[in-house]
């Protein structure tokens, strides 16, 4: 799984794309609200608790403490704690009380943090260290080739069903890892792929057509460098102490392959692509649409 511990200070990162990406997130929320945020059951008390616990951790504690130049908390005339985003000038309650619908809490998370969040709850809340986990809610703008709404309400193993080798090599260890993850521990891993015709918002199934053999290999002449990126996800996991929920989050980075070649790293990336194809699970190459882009991208990187 290539998981490593991460310091709490580095759980959520901000960079110089923040303003542009938050603007895009707000636009996507307006246009595709039912896809961008999802909840299995808005009346479920455990789900309500988990969403509000994440909200409160982010806006009442973590962000104003870690990034005081971006998020500032103060009391209004009614002595209610308010958090202000100093970049967008948006204000909202620092804590989600009973009057705030959980959908609104997810919307506020989406509008202020350039991170996608998936909240999974233990199927047996009385025995969180021995049970499986199910996706109960999310706020996600930048999925890479899957529809989060299709994953909603599914167990961890079913969410990863299309991933080659998951059931045989990872399912048991992932279930154990989720069950044993303690509050206060934060972990991360990195995932990568190549995209040649997608936007940041790639809310569609791209592995299905690949396994059905419906993809056509592109040529170097067909490769549009304005759309060709190394797409990386910095994924994190941590447990919320009160609800026992696991929060899976990821931040998406796009690196133009033109820049990678210009920086002298073209051969390194080309070799990584070949390693993906020859790896212990070569079906992963198909899962990532490699048959479509690999030859053209490798040829470009080695020019």
Foldseek 3Di string as FASTA:
>chain_A
DQKDFDDLLVQADDDPCQVVLLVVLLVCCVVPVPQQKDFPDQPDPLVLVVLQLVQLCCQVPRCCVSPVVQWDWDADPVRFIKIAGPVVRDIDGNGDDPVDRSSVSLVVCSNRGLKKKWKWAFPDQVQLQPGWIATGIIRHQQDDQEGVVVRHGHTPCVSCVLPFPCVPPPVVVVRNCLSPADAPIKMKDKDKAKWQDDDSRNHHHDLVCLVVVNADADALVPGDQVRIWIKMKIWMWHARPPSRMIMIMIHIDTDRLVVCLVVVNLVVVLVVLVCCCVDPGNVNCSSRVVRHYNVNSNVVSVD
